[in-house]
């Protein structure tokens, strides 16, 4: 905004006061806008923090589920090995019994 001063009139003071009031109103408007922008920035930062926490929690839960899957896979492999050993033992026992008959 560019101010123009008219020094030729009789009421220079009232012109300056009017211009000053106009500038102060504009400044108040800019301050209001700045306050609104600051609030929006703070809200966005808070939301970002919430999303970061949600992602951290989800990541931790995914790690827990991954560990449980590995435990399950290990348990299945262990049971498969035991089953294989039991089948092998049963087959050997049946073969030994057939030899004695």
N, C-alpha and C. Protein backbone atom coordinates (compact mmCIF):
# COMPACT_ATOMS: atom_id res chain seq x y z
N UNK A 1 0.85 -1.17 0.00
CA UNK A 1 0.00 0.00 0.00
C UNK A 1 0.89 1.23 0.00
N UNK A 2 0.56 2.15 -0.85
CA UNK A 2 1.35 3.37 -0.94
C UNK A 2 0.49 4.52 -0.45
N UNK A 3 1.03 5.29 0.50
CA UNK A 3 0.29 6.42 1.06
C UNK A 3 0.63 7.69 0.28
N UNK A 4 -0.40 8.47 0.04
CA UNK A 4 -0.20 9.77 -0.62
C UNK A 4 -0.66 10.85 0.35
N UNK A 5 0.17 11.81 0.57
CA UNK A 5 -0.16 12.89 1.49
C UNK A 5 -0.50 14.16 0.71
N UNK A 6 -1.58 14.75 1.12
CA UNK A 6 -2.00 16.02 0.51
C UNK A 6 -1.74 17.13 1.52
N UNK A 7 -0.64 17.84 1.37
CA UNK A 7 -0.25 18.88 2.33
C UNK A 7 -0.87 20.24 1.98
N UNK A 8 -1.66 20.31 0.95
CA UNK A 8 -2.19 21.61 0.55
C UNK A 8 -3.52 21.94 1.22
N UNK A 9 -4.20 20.94 1.78
CA UNK A 9 -5.50 21.20 2.40
C UNK A 9 -5.34 21.77 3.81
N UNK A 10 -6.45 22.33 4.31
CA UNK A 10 -6.43 22.91 5.64
C UNK A 10 -6.42 21.84 6.72
N UNK A 11 -7.06 20.71 6.45
CA UNK A 11 -7.26 19.71 7.51
C UNK A 11 -6.29 18.55 7.33
N UNK A 12 -5.01 18.86 7.30
CA UNK A 12 -3.99 17.83 7.11
C UNK A 12 -4.02 16.78 8.21
N UNK A 13 -4.29 17.22 9.41
CA UNK A 13 -4.32 16.28 10.55
C UNK A 13 -5.41 15.24 10.36
N UNK A 14 -6.60 15.65 9.95
CA UNK A 14 -7.66 14.67 9.79
C UNK A 14 -7.39 13.73 8.64
N UNK A 15 -6.73 14.19 7.61
CA UNK A 15 -6.36 13.31 6.49
C UNK A 15 -5.36 12.28 6.98
N UNK A 16 -4.38 12.74 7.73
CA UNK A 16 -3.38 11.81 8.26
C UNK A 16 -4.00 10.82 9.23
N UNK A 17 -4.91 11.29 10.07
CA UNK A 17 -5.60 10.39 11.01
C UNK A 17 -6.41 9.34 10.25
N UNK A 18 -7.09 9.76 9.21
CA UNK A 18 -7.89 8.82 8.42
C UNK A 18 -7.00 7.79 7.75
N UNK A 19 -5.88 8.25 7.22
CA UNK A 19 -4.95 7.31 6.59
C UNK A 19 -4.34 6.37 7.62
N UNK A 20 -4.04 6.91 8.80
CA UNK A 20 -3.49 6.07 9.87
C UNK A 20 -4.51 5.02 10.30
N UNK A 21 -5.76 5.41 10.42
CA UNK A 21 -6.81 4.45 10.78
C UNK A 21 -6.94 3.36 9.72
N UNK A 22 -6.84 3.76 8.47
CA UNK A 22 -6.92 2.79 7.37
C UNK A 22 -5.75 1.80 7.45
N UNK A 23 -4.56 2.33 7.71
CA UNK A 23 -3.38 1.46 7.82
C UNK A 23 -3.52 0.54 9.04
N UNK A 24 -4.02 1.06 10.15
CA UNK A 24 -4.20 0.23 11.35
C UNK A 24 -5.24 -0.87 11.12
N UNK A 25 -6.31 -0.55 10.40
CA UNK A 25 -7.31 -1.58 10.07
C UNK A 25 -6.69 -2.66 9.20
N UNK A 26 -5.90 -2.24 8.23
CA UNK A 26 -5.24 -3.21 7.36
C UNK A 26 -4.27 -4.07 8.17
N UNK A 27 -3.54 -3.44 9.09
CA UNK A 27 -2.62 -4.18 9.95
C UNK A 27 -3.37 -5.17 10.83
N UNK A 28 -4.51 -4.74 11.39
CA UNK A 28 -5.33 -5.67 12.19
C UNK A 28 -5.79 -6.85 11.35
N UNK A 29 -6.20 -6.57 10.12
CA UNK A 29 -6.62 -7.66 9.23
C UNK A 29 -5.48 -8.63 8.96
N UNK A 30 -4.29 -8.09 8.73
CA UNK A 30 -3.13 -8.96 8.49
C UNK A 30 -2.78 -9.75 9.75
N UNK A 31 -2.90 -9.11 10.91
CA UNK A 31 -2.63 -9.83 12.17
C UNK A 31 -3.64 -10.95 12.39
N UNK A 32 -4.91 -10.69 12.06
CA UNK A 32 -5.92 -11.74 12.16
C UNK A 32 -5.59 -12.90 11.22
N UNK A 33 -5.20 -12.56 9.99
CA UNK A 33 -4.83 -13.59 9.03
C UNK A 33 -3.63 -14.38 9.53
N UNK A 34 -2.64 -13.68 10.07
CA UNK A 34 -1.46 -14.35 10.60
C UNK A 34 -1.84 -15.28 11.76
N UNK A 35 -2.74 -14.82 12.62
CA UNK A 35 -3.20 -15.67 13.73
C UNK A 35 -3.91 -16.91 13.22
N UNK A 36 -4.75 -16.74 12.19
CA UNK A 36 -5.45 -17.89 11.61
C UNK A 36 -4.47 -18.88 10.98
N UNK A 37 -3.46 -18.33 10.29
CA UNK A 37 -2.44 -19.21 9.68
C UNK A 37 -1.64 -19.94 10.75
N UNK A 38 -1.31 -19.26 11.83
CA UNK A 38 -0.57 -19.89 12.93
C UNK A 38 -1.39 -21.02 13.55
N UNK A 39 -2.70 -20.78 13.73
CA UNK A 39 -3.57 -21.82 14.28
C UNK A 39 -3.65 -23.01 13.33
N UNK A 40 -3.79 -22.72 12.04
CA UNK A 40 -3.85 -23.80 11.05
C UNK A 40 -2.55 -24.60 11.05
N UNK A 41 -1.42 -23.91 11.17
CA UNK A 41 -0.12 -24.60 11.22
C UNK A 41 -0.03 -25.49 12.46
N UNK A 42 -0.45 -24.95 13.60
CA UNK A 42 -0.42 -25.74 14.84
C UNK A 42 -1.33 -26.95 14.76
N UNK A 43 -2.51 -26.76 14.18
CA UNK A 43 -3.43 -27.89 14.01
C UNK A 43 -2.83 -28.95 13.09
N UNK A 44 -2.19 -28.50 12.01
CA UNK A 44 -1.57 -29.44 11.07
C UNK A 44 -0.42 -30.20 11.74
N UNK A 45 0.37 -29.50 12.55
CA UNK A 45 1.46 -30.17 13.27
C UNK A 45 0.92 -31.19 14.27
N UNK A 46 -0.18 -30.84 14.95
CA UNK A 46 -0.78 -31.77 15.90
C UNK A 46 -1.29 -33.01 15.16
N UNK A 47 -1.97 -32.78 14.03
CA UNK A 47 -2.47 -33.91 13.23
C UNK A 47 -1.33 -34.78 12.73
N UNK A 48 -0.24 -34.15 12.32
CA UNK A 48 0.93 -34.91 11.87
C UNK A 48 1.47 -35.77 13.01
N UNK A 49 1.53 -35.20 14.20
CA UNK A 49 1.97 -35.97 15.37
C UNK A 49 1.06 -37.16 15.64
N UNK A 50 -0.24 -36.94 15.52
CA UNK A 50 -1.20 -38.04 15.71
C UNK A 50 -0.97 -39.14 14.68
N UNK A 51 -0.78 -38.76 13.43
CA UNK A 51 -0.56 -39.75 12.37
C UNK A 51 0.77 -40.48 12.57
N UNK A 52 1.79 -39.76 13.00
CA UNK A 52 3.08 -40.42 13.27
C UNK A 52 2.93 -41.46 14.37
N UNK A 53 2.17 -41.11 15.42
CA UNK A 53 1.95 -42.06 16.51
C UNK A 53 1.17 -43.27 16.02
N UNK A 54 0.14 -43.02 15.20
CA UNK A 54 -0.65 -44.12 14.65
C UNK A 54 0.24 -45.05 13.82
N UNK A 55 1.12 -44.46 13.00
CA UNK A 55 2.02 -45.28 12.18
C UNK A 55 3.01 -46.06 13.05
N UNK A 56 3.50 -45.44 14.11
CA UNK A 56 4.43 -46.13 15.00
C UNK A 56 3.72 -47.30 15.68
N UNK A 57 2.48 -47.08 16.13
CA UNK A 57 1.71 -48.16 16.76
C UNK A 57 1.43 -49.28 15.77
N UNK A 58 1.07 -48.91 14.54
CA UNK A 58 0.78 -49.92 13.52
C UNK A 58 2.05 -50.70 13.18
N UNK A 59 3.17 -50.03 13.13
CA UNK A 59 4.44 -50.70 12.83
C UNK A 59 4.80 -51.69 13.95
N UNK A 60 4.60 -51.26 15.19
CA UNK A 60 4.88 -52.15 16.32
C UNK A 60 3.97 -53.37 16.27
N UNK A 61 2.70 -53.16 15.95
CA UNK A 61 1.75 -54.28 15.87
C UNK A 61 2.13 -55.21 14.72
N UNK A 62 2.57 -54.65 13.60
CA UNK A 62 3.00 -55.47 12.46
C UNK A 62 4.21 -56.32 12.86
N UNK A 63 5.13 -55.73 13.62
CA UNK A 63 6.30 -56.49 14.09
C UNK A 63 5.87 -57.64 15.01
N UNK A 64 4.89 -57.37 15.88
CA UNK A 64 4.38 -58.42 16.77
C UNK A 64 3.76 -59.56 15.96
N UNK A 65 2.94 -59.20 14.97
CA UNK A 65 2.30 -60.21 14.15
C UNK A 65 3.32 -61.00 13.34
N UNK A 66 4.37 -60.33 12.87
CA UNK A 66 5.43 -61.01 12.13
C UNK A 66 6.13 -62.03 13.04
N UNK A 67 6.40 -61.63 14.28
CA UNK A 67 7.04 -62.54 15.23
C UNK A 67 6.13 -63.74 15.51
N UNK A 68 4.83 -63.50 15.64
CA UNK A 68 3.89 -64.60 15.87
C UNK A 68 3.86 -65.55 14.68
N UNK A 69 3.93 -65.01 13.47
CA UNK A 69 3.96 -65.86 12.27
C UNK A 69 5.21 -66.74 12.26
N UNK A 70 6.34 -66.18 12.64
CA UNK A 70 7.58 -66.97 12.70
C UNK A 70 7.46 -68.07 13.75
N UNK A 71 6.87 -67.74 14.91
CA UNK A 71 6.66 -68.76 15.94
C UNK A 71 5.76 -69.87 15.42
N UNK A 72 4.69 -69.50 14.72
CA UNK A 72 3.76 -70.49 14.17
C UNK A 72 4.48 -71.37 13.15
N UNK A 73 5.27 -70.75 12.27
CA UNK A 73 6.01 -71.53 11.27
C UNK A 73 6.98 -72.50 11.93
N UNK A 74 7.65 -72.05 12.98
CA UNK A 74 8.58 -72.93 13.70
C UNK A 74 7.83 -74.08 14.38
N UNK A 75 6.66 -73.78 14.95
CA UNK A 75 5.87 -74.83 15.59
C UNK A 75 5.39 -75.85 14.55
N UNK A 76 4.98 -75.38 13.38
CA UNK A 76 4.54 -76.29 12.32
C UNK A 76 5.70 -77.17 11.86
N UNK A 77 6.88 -76.58 11.67
CA UNK A 77 8.05 -77.36 11.26
C UNK A 77 8.40 -78.41 12.32
N UNK A 78 8.31 -78.02 13.58
CA UNK A 78 8.59 -78.96 14.67
C UNK A 78 7.60 -80.12 14.65
N UNK A 79 6.32 -79.80 14.47
CA UNK A 79 5.30 -80.86 14.41
C UNK A 79 5.49 -81.75 13.18
N UNK A 80 5.87 -81.16 12.05
CA UNK A 80 6.13 -81.97 10.85
C UNK A 80 7.30 -82.92 11.09
N UNK A 81 8.35 -82.42 11.74
CA UNK A 81 9.50 -83.28 12.06
C UNK A 81 9.10 -84.41 13.00
N UNK A 82 8.29 -84.09 14.01
CA UNK A 82 7.85 -85.13 14.95
C UNK A 82 6.99 -86.17 14.24
N UNK A 83 6.11 -85.69 13.34
CA UNK A 83 5.26 -86.60 12.59
C UNK A 83 6.13 -87.50 11.71
N UNK A 84 7.11 -86.92 11.04
CA UNK A 84 8.01 -87.69 10.18
C UNK A 84 8.75 -88.75 11.01
N UNK A 85 9.24 -88.36 12.18
CA UNK A 85 9.94 -89.31 13.05
C UNK A 85 8.99 -90.41 13.53
N UNK A 86 7.74 -90.04 13.86
CA UNK A 86 6.77 -91.04 14.31
C UNK A 86 6.43 -92.01 13.18
N UNK A 87 6.26 -91.48 11.96
CA UNK A 87 5.97 -92.34 10.81
C UNK A 87 7.15 -93.27 10.54
N UNK A 88 8.36 -92.72 10.64
CA UNK A 88 9.56 -93.52 10.41
C UNK A 88 9.67 -94.61 11.47
N UNK A 89 9.40 -94.27 12.70
CA UNK A 89 9.47 -95.24 13.79
C UNK A 89 8.40 -96.33 13.61
N UNK A 90 7.19 -95.91 13.19
CA UNK A 90 6.12 -96.88 12.98
C UNK A 90 6.45 -97.81 11.82
N UNK A 91 7.03 -97.26 10.76
CA UNK A 91 7.42 -98.08 9.61
C UNK A 91 8.51 -99.06 9.99
N UNK A 92 9.50 -98.60 10.74
CA UNK A 92 10.58 -99.48 11.19
C UNK A 92 10.04 -100.58 12.10
N UNK A 93 9.10 -100.20 12.97
CA UNK A 93 8.50 -101.20 13.86
C UNK A 93 7.71 -102.24 13.09
N UNK A 94 6.97 -101.80 12.07
CA UNK A 94 6.19 -102.73 11.25
C UNK A 94 7.12 -103.63 10.45
N UNK A 95 8.20 -103.07 9.94
CA UNK A 95 9.17 -103.88 9.19
C UNK A 95 9.85 -104.90 10.09
N UNK A 96 10.17 -104.51 11.30
CA UNK A 96 10.81 -105.43 12.25
C UNK A 96 9.85 -106.54 12.62
N UNK A 97 8.59 -106.23 12.76
CA UNK A 97 7.61 -107.25 13.12
C UNK A 97 7.42 -108.23 11.96
N UNK A 98 7.47 -107.74 10.73
CA UNK A 98 7.34 -108.60 9.56
C UNK A 98 8.53 -109.54 9.44
N UNK A 99 9.69 -109.12 9.87
CA UNK A 99 10.89 -109.95 9.80
C UNK A 99 10.75 -111.12 10.76
N UNK A 100 10.16 -110.89 11.90
CA UNK A 100 10.04 -111.94 12.90
C UNK A 100 8.89 -112.89 12.61
N UNK A 101 8.06 -112.62 11.70
CA UNK A 101 6.92 -113.49 11.43
C UNK A 101 7.23 -114.59 10.51
